Every structure is written in structure tokens, then in C-alpha cells.
């Protein structure tokens, strides 16, 4: 019997590695189907996080062409938590003087990370330094057979997160509007 969550995570990683090296083992217990779904979902997650980060970076670079002076930093292999769940992904930070907007996005990778709640494929968090009311939590969901980001309100109601919402967050970050 496994004694710690670290041992469970190690066992999980070993099991996936062995399955990748021995395709016949995939036929047992429906593991091939599981890996196919996992790989498809991972591709959706990666593309959706890339869209979010690339689009936010483009908005910042556009502002910088107008002398906004925004510093942009990206860090991969980032981990962040919400409740009992830990997400592995990336961190994008925008700074302008004392203003700071961070964007974290990721998903659970091992059983020890916890569970993705509400059928989310990935989770993102937008945090405005000193303006907690403007923060947002996003969930990536399959909606009408395609991935879409949704904001999650305090009442757990989900609303579609569109390009206009992303621009609104930059306007708040730059002090051009209040939330």
C-alpha cells in the first residue's frame, strides 16, 4: 500500500511512463482510452493558456508602443493553489511602477494535486495588486465542443470571458477605469 501522496504521485508518473513505452499495456483496463482523452485535453489546455498569455502580452505590448512602460515577465513551472487544489502551469506578470497584474494558469497534473472542480479543464487567476475587488478566477470549459474561458463569480456563476473582459482588466491595471 502506498504510504504518502508523494509515493502515489511517483507511482502515477511511473505508470504513465511504462504505458508510453509499452503500448500493449495500454490495452489493459481501458488505459489507452484514458491516455487519448488526457492527451486531447492537455492539447486544449495548452492552446487555451497560450491564447490567454499571448493575447494579454499583445495588449501590453500595444500599450508599450504608446509609452506605457509596462514590464512583462513570464515564468513557467509555476505552481499555485486554490483551496485544497494545486495547479501546475505558468505565471505572467505585468508591472508599471507600483501597479502589478499577475496571471496564473494551470491544471492539476498528479493525484496529489487534488481535483479540477466543476468540469474545468484549466484554471486561471488574474490578480490586481491592491485591488482585490478587480481580481478574477477563470475556468476553461468545453462549451459547444470547443474550449472557452469563463469567469467564476462569488456566487459560482460562470460568465463567458471575452477579449473585451481582458482589455477591461488592462484598463483597471493601467488606472484608466475602476471596477
N, C-alpha and C. Protein backbone atom coordinates (compact mmCIF):
# COMPACT_ATOMS: atom_id res chain seq x y z
N UNK A 1 0.84 -1.18 0.00
CA UNK A 1 0.00 0.00 0.00
C UNK A 1 0.88 1.24 0.00
N UNK A 2 0.46 2.27 -0.77
CA UNK A 2 1.24 3.50 -0.84
C UNK A 2 1.07 4.27 0.45
N UNK A 3 2.16 4.87 0.92
CA UNK A 3 2.12 5.50 2.24
C UNK A 3 1.94 7.00 2.19
N UNK A 4 2.38 7.68 1.16
CA UNK A 4 2.25 9.14 1.11
C UNK A 4 1.75 9.56 -0.26
N UNK A 5 1.27 10.81 -0.33
CA UNK A 5 0.84 11.34 -1.62
C UNK A 5 2.02 11.43 -2.59
N UNK A 6 3.22 11.69 -2.09
CA UNK A 6 4.39 11.72 -2.97
C UNK A 6 4.62 10.37 -3.61
N UNK A 7 4.44 9.30 -2.84
CA UNK A 7 4.60 7.97 -3.41
C UNK A 7 3.52 7.70 -4.44
N UNK A 8 2.29 8.16 -4.19
CA UNK A 8 1.22 8.00 -5.16
C UNK A 8 1.54 8.76 -6.43
N UNK A 9 2.04 9.98 -6.31
CA UNK A 9 2.41 10.76 -7.48
C UNK A 9 3.52 10.07 -8.27
N UNK A 10 4.52 9.54 -7.57
CA UNK A 10 5.61 8.82 -8.23
C UNK A 10 5.09 7.57 -8.94
N UNK A 11 4.18 6.84 -8.28
CA UNK A 11 3.59 5.64 -8.88
C UNK A 11 2.81 6.02 -10.14
N UNK A 12 2.06 7.11 -10.06
CA UNK A 12 1.26 7.60 -11.20
C UNK A 12 2.17 7.94 -12.38
N UNK A 13 3.23 8.68 -12.14
CA UNK A 13 4.16 9.06 -13.20
C UNK A 13 4.84 7.82 -13.79
N UNK A 14 5.20 6.87 -12.94
CA UNK A 14 5.83 5.64 -13.41
C UNK A 14 4.85 4.84 -14.28
N UNK A 15 3.60 4.77 -13.86
CA UNK A 15 2.60 4.02 -14.61
C UNK A 15 2.39 4.64 -16.00
N UNK A 16 2.35 5.95 -16.09
CA UNK A 16 2.18 6.61 -17.39
C UNK A 16 3.41 6.40 -18.26
N UNK A 17 4.60 6.50 -17.67
CA UNK A 17 5.83 6.29 -18.44
C UNK A 17 5.90 4.86 -18.98
N UNK A 18 5.54 3.89 -18.16
CA UNK A 18 5.55 2.50 -18.62
C UNK A 18 4.54 2.28 -19.74
N UNK A 19 3.37 2.90 -19.61
CA UNK A 19 2.34 2.75 -20.65
C UNK A 19 2.81 3.37 -21.96
N UNK A 20 3.53 4.48 -21.89
CA UNK A 20 4.04 5.12 -23.10
C UNK A 20 5.10 4.26 -23.77
N UNK A 21 5.87 3.53 -22.97
CA UNK A 21 6.94 2.69 -23.52
C UNK A 21 6.45 1.33 -24.00
N UNK A 22 5.31 0.86 -23.50
CA UNK A 22 4.79 -0.45 -23.85
C UNK A 22 3.32 -0.32 -24.26
N UNK A 23 3.06 -0.06 -25.54
CA UNK A 23 1.68 0.15 -25.99
C UNK A 23 0.74 -1.00 -25.67
N UNK A 24 1.27 -2.25 -25.58
CA UNK A 24 0.38 -3.37 -25.26
C UNK A 24 -0.22 -3.22 -23.86
N UNK A 25 0.52 -2.57 -22.96
CA UNK A 25 -0.01 -2.39 -21.60
C UNK A 25 -1.19 -1.43 -21.62
N UNK A 26 -1.28 -0.61 -22.65
CA UNK A 26 -2.39 0.34 -22.75
C UNK A 26 -3.72 -0.37 -22.96
N UNK A 27 -3.68 -1.54 -23.55
CA UNK A 27 -4.91 -2.26 -23.85
C UNK A 27 -5.59 -2.76 -22.60
N UNK A 28 -4.84 -2.91 -21.54
CA UNK A 28 -5.41 -3.38 -20.29
C UNK A 28 -6.14 -2.24 -19.59
N UNK A 29 -7.30 -2.57 -19.03
CA UNK A 29 -8.07 -1.67 -18.15
C UNK A 29 -8.46 -0.35 -18.81
N UNK A 30 -8.55 -0.29 -20.13
CA UNK A 30 -9.00 0.92 -20.80
C UNK A 30 -8.04 2.09 -20.68
N UNK A 31 -6.79 1.79 -20.41
CA UNK A 31 -5.82 2.86 -20.19
C UNK A 31 -5.54 3.63 -21.47
N UNK A 32 -5.64 2.97 -22.61
CA UNK A 32 -5.42 3.65 -23.89
C UNK A 32 -6.45 4.75 -24.09
N UNK A 33 -7.69 4.46 -23.76
CA UNK A 33 -8.75 5.47 -23.89
C UNK A 33 -8.50 6.63 -22.94
N UNK A 34 -8.09 6.30 -21.72
CA UNK A 34 -7.78 7.34 -20.75
C UNK A 34 -6.67 8.26 -21.26
N UNK A 35 -5.59 7.67 -21.77
CA UNK A 35 -4.47 8.48 -22.27
C UNK A 35 -4.87 9.31 -23.48
N UNK A 36 -5.72 8.77 -24.35
CA UNK A 36 -6.18 9.53 -25.51
C UNK A 36 -6.96 10.77 -25.07
N UNK A 37 -7.86 10.61 -24.11
CA UNK A 37 -8.63 11.74 -23.60
C UNK A 37 -7.71 12.73 -22.90
N UNK A 38 -6.80 12.22 -22.08
CA UNK A 38 -5.86 13.09 -21.36
C UNK A 38 -5.03 13.91 -22.33
N UNK A 39 -4.49 13.26 -23.36
CA UNK A 39 -3.66 13.97 -24.34
C UNK A 39 -4.46 15.02 -25.10
N UNK A 40 -5.70 14.69 -25.47
CA UNK A 40 -6.56 15.66 -26.16
C UNK A 40 -6.86 16.85 -25.25
N UNK A 41 -7.18 16.58 -23.99
CA UNK A 41 -7.47 17.66 -23.05
C UNK A 41 -6.23 18.50 -22.79
N UNK A 42 -5.06 17.87 -22.67
CA UNK A 42 -3.83 18.62 -22.46
C UNK A 42 -3.55 19.56 -23.63
N UNK A 43 -3.82 19.10 -24.85
CA UNK A 43 -3.62 19.95 -26.02
C UNK A 43 -4.56 21.16 -25.97
N UNK A 44 -5.83 20.95 -25.58
CA UNK A 44 -6.78 22.06 -25.43
C UNK A 44 -6.31 23.03 -24.35
N UNK A 45 -5.85 22.49 -23.23
CA UNK A 45 -5.38 23.32 -22.12
C UNK A 45 -4.21 24.19 -22.57
N UNK A 46 -3.21 23.55 -23.18
CA UNK A 46 -2.01 24.28 -23.60
C UNK A 46 -2.35 25.37 -24.61
N UNK A 47 -3.20 25.06 -25.57
CA UNK A 47 -3.58 26.06 -26.58
C UNK A 47 -4.37 27.22 -25.94
N UNK A 48 -5.22 26.91 -25.00
CA UNK A 48 -6.05 27.94 -24.36
C UNK A 48 -5.23 28.83 -23.44
N UNK A 49 -4.30 28.26 -22.70
CA UNK A 49 -3.42 29.07 -21.84
C UNK A 49 -2.52 29.92 -22.73
N UNK A 50 -2.04 29.35 -23.83
CA UNK A 50 -1.20 30.10 -24.77
C UNK A 50 -1.99 31.29 -25.31
N UNK A 51 -3.25 31.09 -25.70
CA UNK A 51 -4.08 32.19 -26.20
C UNK A 51 -4.20 33.29 -25.14
N UNK A 52 -4.51 32.90 -23.92
CA UNK A 52 -4.68 33.86 -22.83
C UNK A 52 -3.40 34.67 -22.62
N UNK A 53 -2.27 33.99 -22.51
CA UNK A 53 -1.00 34.67 -22.25
C UNK A 53 -0.56 35.51 -23.45
N UNK A 54 -0.66 34.94 -24.66
CA UNK A 54 -0.26 35.68 -25.86
C UNK A 54 -1.11 36.92 -26.06
N UNK A 55 -2.41 36.81 -25.84
CA UNK A 55 -3.31 37.95 -26.04
C UNK A 55 -3.03 39.03 -25.01
N UNK A 56 -2.83 38.64 -23.76
CA UNK A 56 -2.53 39.64 -22.73
C UNK A 56 -1.18 40.32 -23.01
N UNK A 57 -0.22 39.55 -23.48
CA UNK A 57 1.09 40.13 -23.82
C UNK A 57 0.95 41.10 -24.99
N UNK A 58 0.14 40.74 -25.99
CA UNK A 58 -0.09 41.64 -27.13
C UNK A 58 -0.71 42.95 -26.68
N UNK A 59 -1.67 42.90 -25.76
CA UNK A 59 -2.32 44.12 -25.27
C UNK A 59 -1.28 44.99 -24.55
N UNK A 60 -0.42 44.37 -23.73
CA UNK A 60 0.62 45.13 -23.02
C UNK A 60 1.63 45.73 -24.00
N UNK A 61 2.02 44.95 -25.00
CA UNK A 61 2.97 45.47 -26.00
C UNK A 61 2.37 46.61 -26.79
N UNK A 62 1.08 46.54 -27.08
CA UNK A 62 0.39 47.64 -27.77
C UNK A 62 0.44 48.90 -26.91
N UNK A 63 0.17 48.75 -25.61
CA UNK A 63 0.24 49.90 -24.70
C UNK A 63 1.67 50.43 -24.62
N UNK A 64 2.65 49.52 -24.64
CA UNK A 64 4.05 49.95 -24.59
C UNK A 64 4.47 50.75 -25.82
N UNK A 65 3.86 50.46 -26.96
CA UNK A 65 4.16 51.26 -28.16
C UNK A 65 3.67 52.69 -27.99
N UNK A 66 2.79 52.91 -27.01
CA UNK A 66 2.31 54.26 -26.69
C UNK A 66 2.95 54.76 -25.39
N UNK A 67 4.14 54.19 -25.08
CA UNK A 67 4.95 54.61 -23.93
C UNK A 67 4.33 54.30 -22.57
N UNK A 68 3.66 53.17 -22.43
CA UNK A 68 3.06 52.81 -21.14
C UNK A 68 4.12 52.34 -20.14
N UNK A 69 5.25 51.85 -20.62
CA UNK A 69 6.33 51.42 -19.72
C UNK A 69 5.98 50.20 -18.89
N UNK A 70 5.29 49.24 -19.48
CA UNK A 70 4.90 48.01 -18.78
C UNK A 70 6.02 46.99 -18.90
N UNK A 71 6.47 46.48 -17.75
CA UNK A 71 7.44 45.39 -17.74
C UNK A 71 6.68 44.07 -17.77
N UNK A 72 7.11 43.15 -18.60
CA UNK A 72 6.43 41.87 -18.77
C UNK A 72 7.40 40.75 -18.40
N UNK A 73 6.96 39.88 -17.49
CA UNK A 73 7.78 38.74 -17.08
C UNK A 73 6.95 37.47 -17.16
N UNK A 74 7.56 36.40 -17.62
CA UNK A 74 6.87 35.11 -17.67
C UNK A 74 7.72 34.05 -16.98
N UNK A 75 7.05 33.22 -16.22
CA UNK A 75 7.73 32.11 -15.55
C UNK A 75 6.92 30.84 -15.77
N UNK A 76 7.57 29.83 -16.32
CA UNK A 76 6.93 28.53 -16.46
C UNK A 76 7.28 27.70 -15.23
N UNK A 77 6.76 26.51 -15.15
CA UNK A 77 6.95 25.64 -13.98
C UNK A 77 6.49 26.34 -12.70
N UNK A 78 5.37 27.05 -12.82
CA UNK A 78 4.79 27.77 -11.69
C UNK A 78 3.69 26.92 -11.07
N UNK A 79 3.58 26.96 -9.75
CA UNK A 79 2.52 26.24 -9.03
C UNK A 79 1.76 27.24 -8.19
N UNK A 80 0.43 27.09 -8.15
CA UNK A 80 -0.40 27.94 -7.31
C UNK A 80 -1.56 27.12 -6.79
N UNK A 81 -2.16 27.58 -5.70
CA UNK A 81 -3.20 26.80 -5.03
C UNK A 81 -4.49 27.61 -4.91
N UNK A 82 -5.56 26.85 -4.85
CA UNK A 82 -6.88 27.40 -4.54
C UNK A 82 -7.57 26.33 -3.71
N UNK A 83 -7.86 26.67 -2.46
CA UNK A 83 -8.43 25.67 -1.57
C UNK A 83 -7.44 24.54 -1.38
N UNK A 84 -7.90 23.31 -1.58
CA UNK A 84 -7.06 22.13 -1.40
C UNK A 84 -6.42 21.66 -2.72
N UNK A 85 -6.62 22.43 -3.78
CA UNK A 85 -6.13 22.02 -5.10
C UNK A 85 -4.89 22.83 -5.47
N UNK A 86 -3.91 22.16 -6.04
CA UNK A 86 -2.69 22.80 -6.52
C UNK A 86 -2.63 22.65 -8.03
N UNK A 87 -2.35 23.76 -8.71
CA UNK A 87 -2.28 23.78 -10.16
C UNK A 87 -0.84 24.00 -10.60
N UNK A 88 -0.45 23.32 -11.67
CA UNK A 88 0.88 23.49 -12.25
C UNK A 88 0.69 24.17 -13.60
N UNK A 89 1.48 25.21 -13.85
CA UNK A 89 1.33 25.94 -15.11
C UNK A 89 2.36 27.04 -15.23
N UNK A 90 1.86 28.24 -15.56
CA UNK A 90 2.74 29.38 -15.82
C UNK A 90 2.22 30.63 -15.12
N UNK A 91 3.12 31.59 -14.97
CA UNK A 91 2.81 32.87 -14.35
C UNK A 91 3.26 33.97 -15.30
N UNK A 92 2.38 34.93 -15.51
CA UNK A 92 2.68 36.09 -16.34
C UNK A 92 2.47 37.32 -15.46
N UNK A 93 3.48 38.20 -15.39
CA UNK A 93 3.40 39.37 -14.53
C UNK A 93 3.59 40.63 -15.37
N UNK A 94 2.71 41.61 -15.13
CA UNK A 94 2.79 42.92 -15.77
C UNK A 94 3.01 43.94 -14.66
N UNK A 95 4.04 44.79 -14.82
CA UNK A 95 4.32 45.82 -13.82
C UNK A 95 4.43 47.18 -14.51
N UNK A 96 3.88 48.16 -13.82
CA UNK A 96 4.01 49.55 -14.26
C UNK A 96 4.12 50.38 -12.98
N UNK A 97 5.33 50.78 -12.65
CA UNK A 97 5.53 51.47 -11.38
C UNK A 97 5.13 50.54 -10.24
N UNK A 98 4.21 51.02 -9.37
CA UNK A 98 3.76 50.19 -8.25
C UNK A 98 2.60 49.29 -8.64
N UNK A 99 2.06 49.48 -9.81
CA UNK A 99 0.94 48.66 -10.27
C UNK A 99 1.44 47.29 -10.71
N UNK A 100 0.63 46.26 -10.45
CA UNK A 100 1.02 44.92 -10.84
C UNK A 100 -0.24 44.10 -11.14
N UNK A 101 -0.21 43.40 -12.26
CA UNK A 101 -1.26 42.46 -12.64
C UNK A 101 -0.57 41.13 -12.90
N UNK A 102 -1.01 40.09 -12.19
CA UNK A 102 -0.46 38.76 -12.42
C UNK A 102 -1.53 37.86 -12.99
N UNK A 103 -1.09 36.97 -13.84
CA UNK A 103 -1.97 35.97 -14.44
C UNK A 103 -1.32 34.61 -14.22
N UNK A 104 -2.02 33.73 -13.52
CA UNK A 104 -1.56 32.37 -13.29
C UNK A 104 -2.53 31.45 -14.02
N UNK A 105 -2.01 30.45 -14.67
CA UNK A 105 -2.89 29.50 -15.35
C UNK A 105 -2.27 28.12 -15.30
N UNK A 106 -3.10 27.11 -15.04
CA UNK A 106 -2.60 25.75 -15.00
C UNK A 106 -3.70 24.76 -14.71
N UNK A 107 -3.31 23.53 -14.44
CA UNK A 107 -4.26 22.48 -14.13
C UNK A 107 -3.55 21.46 -13.25
N UNK A 108 -4.32 20.56 -12.65
CA UNK A 108 -3.73 19.52 -11.81
C UNK A 108 -2.99 18.53 -12.70
N UNK A 109 -1.88 18.01 -12.21
CA UNK A 109 -1.08 17.09 -13.01
C UNK A 109 -1.00 15.70 -12.41
N UNK A 110 -1.08 15.62 -11.08
CA UNK A 110 -0.95 14.33 -10.40
C UNK A 110 -2.08 14.18 -9.38
N UNK A 111 -2.36 12.98 -8.93
CA UNK A 111 -3.42 12.80 -7.93
C UNK A 111 -3.20 13.64 -6.67
N UNK A 112 -1.96 13.87 -6.28
CA UNK A 112 -1.67 14.66 -5.09
C UNK A 112 -2.03 16.13 -5.23
N UNK A 113 -2.25 16.59 -6.47
CA UNK A 113 -2.61 17.99 -6.69
C UNK A 113 -4.07 18.28 -6.34
N UNK A 114 -4.88 17.24 -6.25
CA UNK A 114 -6.30 17.45 -5.96
C UNK A 114 -7.12 17.29 -7.23
N UNK A 115 -8.32 17.85 -7.21
CA UNK A 115 -9.26 17.64 -8.30
C UNK A 115 -9.63 18.95 -8.97
N UNK A 116 -9.85 18.88 -10.28
CA UNK A 116 -10.37 20.01 -11.04
C UNK A 116 -11.87 20.06 -10.75
N UNK A 117 -12.34 21.13 -10.20
CA UNK A 117 -13.75 21.27 -9.82
C UNK A 117 -14.58 21.79 -10.99
N UNK A 118 -15.84 21.43 -10.97
CA UNK A 118 -16.80 21.98 -11.92
C UNK A 118 -16.51 21.68 -13.37
N UNK A 119 -15.92 20.55 -13.67
CA UNK A 119 -15.60 20.14 -15.05
C UNK A 119 -14.59 21.05 -15.74
N UNK A 120 -13.86 21.83 -14.97
CA UNK A 120 -12.86 22.72 -15.57
C UNK A 120 -11.70 21.91 -16.13
N UNK A 121 -11.21 22.33 -17.29
CA UNK A 121 -10.01 21.74 -17.88
C UNK A 121 -8.77 22.42 -17.32
N UNK A 122 -8.88 23.72 -17.04
CA UNK A 122 -7.78 24.51 -16.50
C UNK A 122 -8.38 25.65 -15.69
N UNK A 123 -7.54 26.27 -14.88
CA UNK A 123 -7.95 27.40 -14.05
C UNK A 123 -6.94 28.52 -14.26
N UNK A 124 -7.43 29.75 -14.32
CA UNK A 124 -6.55 30.91 -14.40
C UNK A 124 -7.01 31.90 -13.33
N UNK A 125 -6.05 32.66 -12.84
CA UNK A 125 -6.36 33.66 -11.82
C UNK A 125 -5.69 34.96 -12.24
N UNK A 126 -6.48 36.04 -12.31
CA UNK A 126 -5.97 37.38 -12.59
C UNK A 126 -6.00 38.15 -11.28
N UNK A 127 -4.85 38.63 -10.85
CA UNK A 127 -4.75 39.31 -9.56
C UNK A 127 -4.20 40.71 -9.75
N UNK A 128 -4.97 41.69 -9.30
CA UNK A 128 -4.57 43.09 -9.34
C UNK A 128 -4.02 43.47 -7.97
N UNK A 129 -2.73 43.82 -7.91
CA UNK A 129 -2.11 44.19 -6.64
C UNK A 129 -2.85 45.39 -6.05
N UNK A 130 -3.34 45.22 -4.81
CA UNK A 130 -4.00 46.30 -4.10
C UNK A 130 -5.43 46.56 -4.52
N UNK A 131 -5.97 45.76 -5.41
CA UNK A 131 -7.34 45.94 -5.90
C UNK A 131 -8.05 44.59 -5.95
N UNK A 132 -8.24 43.99 -4.80
CA UNK A 132 -8.80 42.64 -4.72
C UNK A 132 -10.18 42.54 -5.37
N UNK A 133 -10.96 43.60 -5.34
CA UNK A 133 -12.30 43.55 -5.96
C UNK A 133 -12.23 43.35 -7.47
N UNK A 134 -11.09 43.66 -8.05
CA UNK A 134 -10.93 43.53 -9.51
C UNK A 134 -10.37 42.17 -9.92
N UNK A 135 -9.97 41.35 -8.95
CA UNK A 135 -9.42 40.04 -9.27
C UNK A 135 -10.47 39.16 -9.95
N UNK A 136 -9.99 38.17 -10.69
CA UNK A 136 -10.91 37.25 -11.37
C UNK A 136 -10.35 35.84 -11.37
N UNK A 137 -11.24 34.89 -11.25
CA UNK A 137 -10.90 33.47 -11.41
C UNK A 137 -11.57 33.02 -12.70
N UNK A 138 -10.82 32.31 -13.53
CA UNK A 138 -11.35 31.82 -14.80
C UNK A 138 -11.29 30.30 -14.82
N UNK A 139 -12.28 29.70 -15.44
CA UNK A 139 -12.28 28.25 -15.67
C UNK A 139 -12.34 28.02 -17.17
N UNK A 140 -11.53 27.10 -17.64
CA UNK A 140 -11.58 26.68 -19.03
C UNK A 140 -12.53 25.50 -19.12
N UNK A 141 -13.58 25.66 -19.92
CA UNK A 141 -14.58 24.61 -20.08
C UNK A 141 -14.75 24.28 -21.55
N UNK A 142 -15.17 23.06 -21.81
CA UNK A 142 -15.61 22.72 -23.17
C UNK A 142 -17.05 23.21 -23.28
N UNK A 143 -17.28 24.09 -24.23
CA UNK A 143 -18.61 24.65 -24.44
C UNK A 143 -18.89 24.59 -25.93
N UNK A 144 -19.95 23.90 -26.30
CA UNK A 144 -20.29 23.69 -27.70
C UNK A 144 -19.09 23.10 -28.46
N UNK A 145 -18.47 22.09 -27.85
CA UNK A 145 -17.34 21.34 -28.43
C UNK A 145 -16.09 22.16 -28.70
N UNK A 146 -15.93 23.27 -28.01
CA UNK A 146 -14.67 24.00 -28.11
C UNK A 146 -14.32 24.57 -26.74
N UNK A 147 -13.04 24.79 -26.47
CA UNK A 147 -12.66 25.33 -25.16
C UNK A 147 -12.96 26.82 -25.09
N UNK A 148 -13.48 27.25 -23.93
CA UNK A 148 -13.75 28.68 -23.70
C UNK A 148 -13.47 29.00 -22.25
N UNK A 149 -12.95 30.21 -22.03
CA UNK A 149 -12.72 30.69 -20.68
C UNK A 149 -14.00 31.32 -20.14
N UNK A 150 -14.27 31.09 -18.87
CA UNK A 150 -15.42 31.67 -18.17
C UNK A 150 -14.94 32.27 -16.86
N UNK A 151 -15.46 33.43 -16.50
CA UNK A 151 -15.18 33.97 -15.17
C UNK A 151 -16.08 33.24 -14.19
N UNK A 152 -15.60 33.14 -12.96
CA UNK A 152 -16.37 32.49 -11.91
C UNK A 152 -16.62 33.53 -10.84
N UNK A 153 -17.90 33.88 -10.64
CA UNK A 153 -18.25 34.89 -9.65
C UNK A 153 -18.32 34.33 -8.24
N UNK A 154 -18.51 35.24 -7.28
CA UNK A 154 -18.60 34.81 -5.88
C UNK A 154 -19.74 33.82 -5.67
N UNK A 155 -20.78 33.95 -6.47
CA UNK A 155 -21.92 33.04 -6.37
C UNK A 155 -21.71 31.76 -7.19
N UNK A 156 -20.47 31.59 -7.72
CA UNK A 156 -20.05 30.45 -8.54
C UNK A 156 -20.71 30.46 -9.92
N UNK A 157 -21.41 31.54 -10.27
CA UNK A 157 -22.00 31.70 -11.59
C UNK A 157 -20.87 31.94 -12.60
N UNK A 158 -20.95 31.29 -13.74
CA UNK A 158 -19.93 31.42 -14.77
C UNK A 158 -20.44 32.29 -15.91
N UNK A 159 -19.59 33.23 -16.31
CA UNK A 159 -19.89 34.11 -17.43
C UNK A 159 -18.75 34.02 -18.43
N UNK A 160 -19.08 34.03 -19.70
CA UNK A 160 -18.07 33.93 -20.74
C UNK A 160 -17.05 35.05 -20.60
N UNK A 161 -15.76 34.72 -20.71
CA UNK A 161 -14.67 35.69 -20.62
C UNK A 161 -14.19 35.94 -22.04
N UNK A 162 -14.40 37.15 -22.50
CA UNK A 162 -14.10 37.51 -23.88
C UNK A 162 -12.92 38.48 -23.94
N UNK A 163 -12.51 38.82 -25.15
CA UNK A 163 -11.42 39.75 -25.35
C UNK A 163 -11.71 41.09 -24.66
N UNK A 164 -12.95 41.55 -24.71
CA UNK A 164 -13.31 42.81 -24.06
C UNK A 164 -13.05 42.75 -22.55
N UNK A 165 -13.30 41.60 -21.92
CA UNK A 165 -13.04 41.44 -20.49
C UNK A 165 -11.54 41.53 -20.21
N UNK A 166 -10.75 40.96 -21.08
CA UNK A 166 -9.30 41.01 -20.94
C UNK A 166 -8.82 42.46 -21.03
N UNK A 167 -9.34 43.21 -21.98
CA UNK A 167 -8.98 44.63 -22.13
C UNK A 167 -9.42 45.42 -20.90
N UNK A 168 -10.60 45.09 -20.36
CA UNK A 168 -11.07 45.75 -19.13
C UNK A 168 -10.06 45.56 -18.00
N UNK A 169 -9.50 44.36 -17.87
CA UNK A 169 -8.51 44.11 -16.82
C UNK A 169 -7.26 44.96 -17.03
N UNK A 170 -6.86 45.17 -18.28
CA UNK A 170 -5.71 46.03 -18.53
C UNK A 170 -6.03 47.48 -18.23
N UNK A 171 -7.23 47.91 -18.52
CA UNK A 171 -7.61 49.29 -18.21
C UNK A 171 -7.62 49.52 -16.70
N UNK A 172 -8.06 48.54 -15.95
CA UNK A 172 -8.02 48.63 -14.49
C UNK A 172 -6.56 48.67 -14.04
N UNK A 173 -5.74 47.79 -14.57
CA UNK A 173 -4.32 47.73 -14.24
C UNK A 173 -3.64 49.08 -14.51
N UNK A 174 -3.96 49.70 -15.64
CA UNK A 174 -3.33 50.96 -16.02
C UNK A 174 -3.96 52.17 -15.32
N UNK A 175 -5.00 51.93 -14.53
CA UNK A 175 -5.66 53.03 -13.82
C UNK A 175 -6.58 53.85 -14.70
N UNK A 176 -6.98 53.29 -15.83
CA UNK A 176 -7.86 54.01 -16.76
C UNK A 176 -9.33 53.87 -16.40
N UNK A 177 -9.62 52.89 -15.54
CA UNK A 177 -11.00 52.69 -15.09
C UNK A 177 -11.01 51.97 -13.76
N UNK A 178 -12.11 52.08 -13.07
CA UNK A 178 -12.32 51.40 -11.79
C UNK A 178 -13.27 50.24 -12.01
N UNK A 179 -13.17 49.25 -11.12
CA UNK A 179 -14.16 48.17 -11.19
C UNK A 179 -15.13 48.34 -10.08
